[in-house]
């Protein structure tokens, strides 16, 4: 048994090819300016450090306090992408924004705390209180040079690494940091493949009818809650629900669809669009995924109802379309008096039996 384990380790170790080096921040920022080091535009949404956190990082560099490494992934065109260390890298880009971006790109209006093109005005950090109010332009040049030539430890995930290894490295690094939502992490990690599936999810998530049919808050939309629900619908509709945690199941389906292991066709996408077009026509304010009590819909968005309703319509999209919006409204309302639905949306709803049961009920209910 131990020999088998050793063999497994040997088989998989060679799939992760890394290189470690210690460039100065000046070198990293020059590579960013030239486009050789990239932060994916969709990933910039994850820049969430407050100005206080950004200031403390600047303070750490000035005081030579050790900071965690930056992880880069080598892309097929030999450029590099930041896969961990976004907060630190973005803090430096923002602090030196006036050197990095053209004058017309600089943003000076508004707070701009997480806008890379809005130069940082430092707050009062724990140790160097004198930093408060300084910008790159007002900081003593000696200290600016200290920042430029501070060294960062960089761990580069080489392009020779297998796609699965790169995917898992990204997922584990970013789950440990917990600066992004689960779906933001999935979308970013999917870009280690073609990014086509992630782009499709993002496009669907930006549709007004999809957003309104779910009735999700701006905060939920900003953290890709809409995209995660579309992914959930596709995953539950196309794979066998096993004993994995729901997050693991969605991770696995995201990997399968992004890597081409599971082919998402234009028909799949068209059925998703049609599903939410009909839901929006029937209930334009997210009522379809709220509980119906005492003659009205109330409460928050329910993923349990989403599993029944969205998956059920998606699996029967042609039949539901033929029957029309009136029939769809009636079926969704009558669902709430169905004893099976009540059982499957109650306590212990995340068990395998109940998750699979909701999908099956939806398939039958809307058939």
Foldseek 3Di string as FASTA:
>chain_A
DVVVVVVVCVVQVVLWDKDKDKAFLLVVLVCVLVVLEDEPPLNLLLQDDFLQVLQVLLVCLLVVNDDDAWEWEQAPVRGIYTLAPSNNNLSVLQLCLPVRDDPVQADDDDDPRSPSRDHHQHDQYDPPRVSHRDGLVRPPVVSVVSNRGRIHMYMYGYPSRDLVVQLVVSQVRCVVVVSAPLLSSLLVSLVSFVSPVSVLLVVLLPDLLLCQLQLDDPVCSSRVVSSLLLLLLVLLLPDQQDQDQSSVSSSVSSNCPSNVVDDDDPVLSVLLVLLSVLSCVQGRHNQLQAAADPHRGDDHGASLSSLQASNLCSLVVVQLVVVGNVVSNVLSNVLNVDPQSVVCRDPPVRGSVSSNSSNVNSVVSSD
